[in-house]
Protein backbone atom coordinates (compact mmCIF):
# COMPACT_ATOMS: atom_id res chain seq x y z
CA TYR A 1 31.83 0.85 -5.97
CA ARG A 2 30.01 2.90 -3.37
CA TRP A 3 27.07 3.37 -5.75
CA LYS A 4 26.75 -0.39 -6.24
CA LYS A 5 26.72 -1.06 -2.51
CA ASN A 6 24.03 1.58 -1.98
CA ARG A 7 21.94 0.14 -4.80
CA MET A 8 21.75 -3.21 -3.07
CA LYS A 9 20.28 -1.69 0.08
CA ASP A 10 16.55 -1.64 0.57
CA HIS A 11 15.27 1.42 -1.29
CA PRO A 12 12.34 3.43 -0.01
CA LYS A 13 10.65 2.76 -3.36
CA ARG A 14 10.90 -0.97 -2.73
CA HIS A 15 9.17 -0.43 0.60
CA LEU A 16 6.55 1.61 -1.23
CA GLU A 17 6.09 -1.16 -3.80
CA LYS A 18 5.41 -3.67 -1.03
CA GLN A 19 2.91 -1.29 0.54
CA ILE A 20 1.09 -0.72 -2.75
CA GLY A 21 1.08 -4.44 -3.47
CA THR A 22 -0.49 -5.29 -0.13
CA LEU A 23 -3.15 -2.60 -0.63
CA CYS A 24 -3.98 -3.92 -4.11
CA ARG A 25 -4.26 -7.51 -2.87
CA GLU A 26 -6.26 -6.40 0.17
CA HIS A 27 -8.85 -4.67 -2.02
CA LYS A 28 -8.77 -7.46 -4.65
CA TYR A 29 -7.41 -5.17 -7.40
CA ARG A 30 -10.63 -3.13 -7.45
CA TYR A 31 -8.92 0.16 -6.64
CA GLY A 32 -7.05 2.17 -9.23
CA TYR A 33 -4.02 4.36 -8.72
CA ARG A 34 -6.12 7.35 -7.64
CA LYS A 35 -7.79 5.49 -4.79
CA ILE A 36 -4.51 3.82 -3.71
CA THR A 37 -2.84 7.26 -3.71
CA ALA A 38 -5.62 8.68 -1.55
CA ILE A 39 -5.16 5.85 0.98
CA LEU A 40 -1.38 6.32 1.05
CA LYS A 41 -1.65 10.11 1.41
CA LYS A 42 -3.21 9.66 4.82
CA GLY A 43 0.12 8.46 6.15
CA MET A 44 2.76 10.00 3.86
CA ARG A 45 3.41 12.44 1.05
CA ILE A 46 3.34 10.69 -2.29
CA ASN A 47 2.70 11.64 -5.90
CA HIS A 48 0.01 9.92 -7.93
CA LYS A 49 2.41 9.44 -10.86
CA THR A 50 4.75 7.37 -8.70
CA VAL A 51 1.89 5.09 -7.62
CA GLN A 52 0.68 4.78 -11.22
CA ARG A 53 4.18 3.89 -12.46
CA ILE A 54 4.64 1.19 -9.79
CA MET A 55 1.20 -0.28 -10.46
CA GLN A 56 1.78 -0.40 -14.23
CA LYS A 57 5.19 -2.01 -13.78
CA ASN A 58 3.74 -4.84 -11.69
CA GLN A 59 0.44 -5.20 -13.61
CA TRP A 60 -1.64 -4.19 -10.58
CA GLN A 61 -4.14 -2.17 -12.62
CA CYS A 62 -7.72 -2.20 -11.44
CA ARG A 63 -10.21 -4.49 -13.12
CA VAL A 64 -12.69 -2.45 -15.10
CA LYS A 65 -16.31 -3.61 -15.18
CA VAL A 66 -17.80 -4.04 -18.64
CA LYS A 67 -20.70 -1.74 -19.21
CA LYS A 68 -23.77 -3.61 -20.40
CA ARG A 69 -26.45 -2.31 -22.74
CA LYS A 70 -30.11 -3.20 -22.70
CA LYS A 71 -31.25 -4.87 -25.87
CA ASN A 72 -34.57 -3.15 -26.51
CA GLY A 73 -34.18 -2.58 -30.26
CA GLN A 74 -33.02 1.03 -29.98
CA PRO A 75 -30.17 2.22 -32.22
CA TYR A 76 -26.88 3.24 -30.56
CA ALA A 77 -27.10 6.92 -31.62
CA VAL A 78 -30.38 8.68 -31.16
C-alpha cells in the first residue's frame, strides 16, 4: 500500500491548484489560462496545458465580455 500512502500526501499539483486559484480570485476571474501561465512562469517552469486543465476542472475560466454592435441600420455582411 505504498502507492496509497504516497497518494494521500500533498501533491505538487495540489499546491499548483491553490496557487492558480488564488491568482484567479485575485484578478477576479478576468485572466485566462495564457495570462495565468505567464504570471506563473516568472517563478517556475510550467506548461500552459497544465494550467488550462486545472482551470477547466475547477471552472475558473475567464469571463468573456460580450461584443456589442451599433444599431445604425447596416446589414451584418457588407
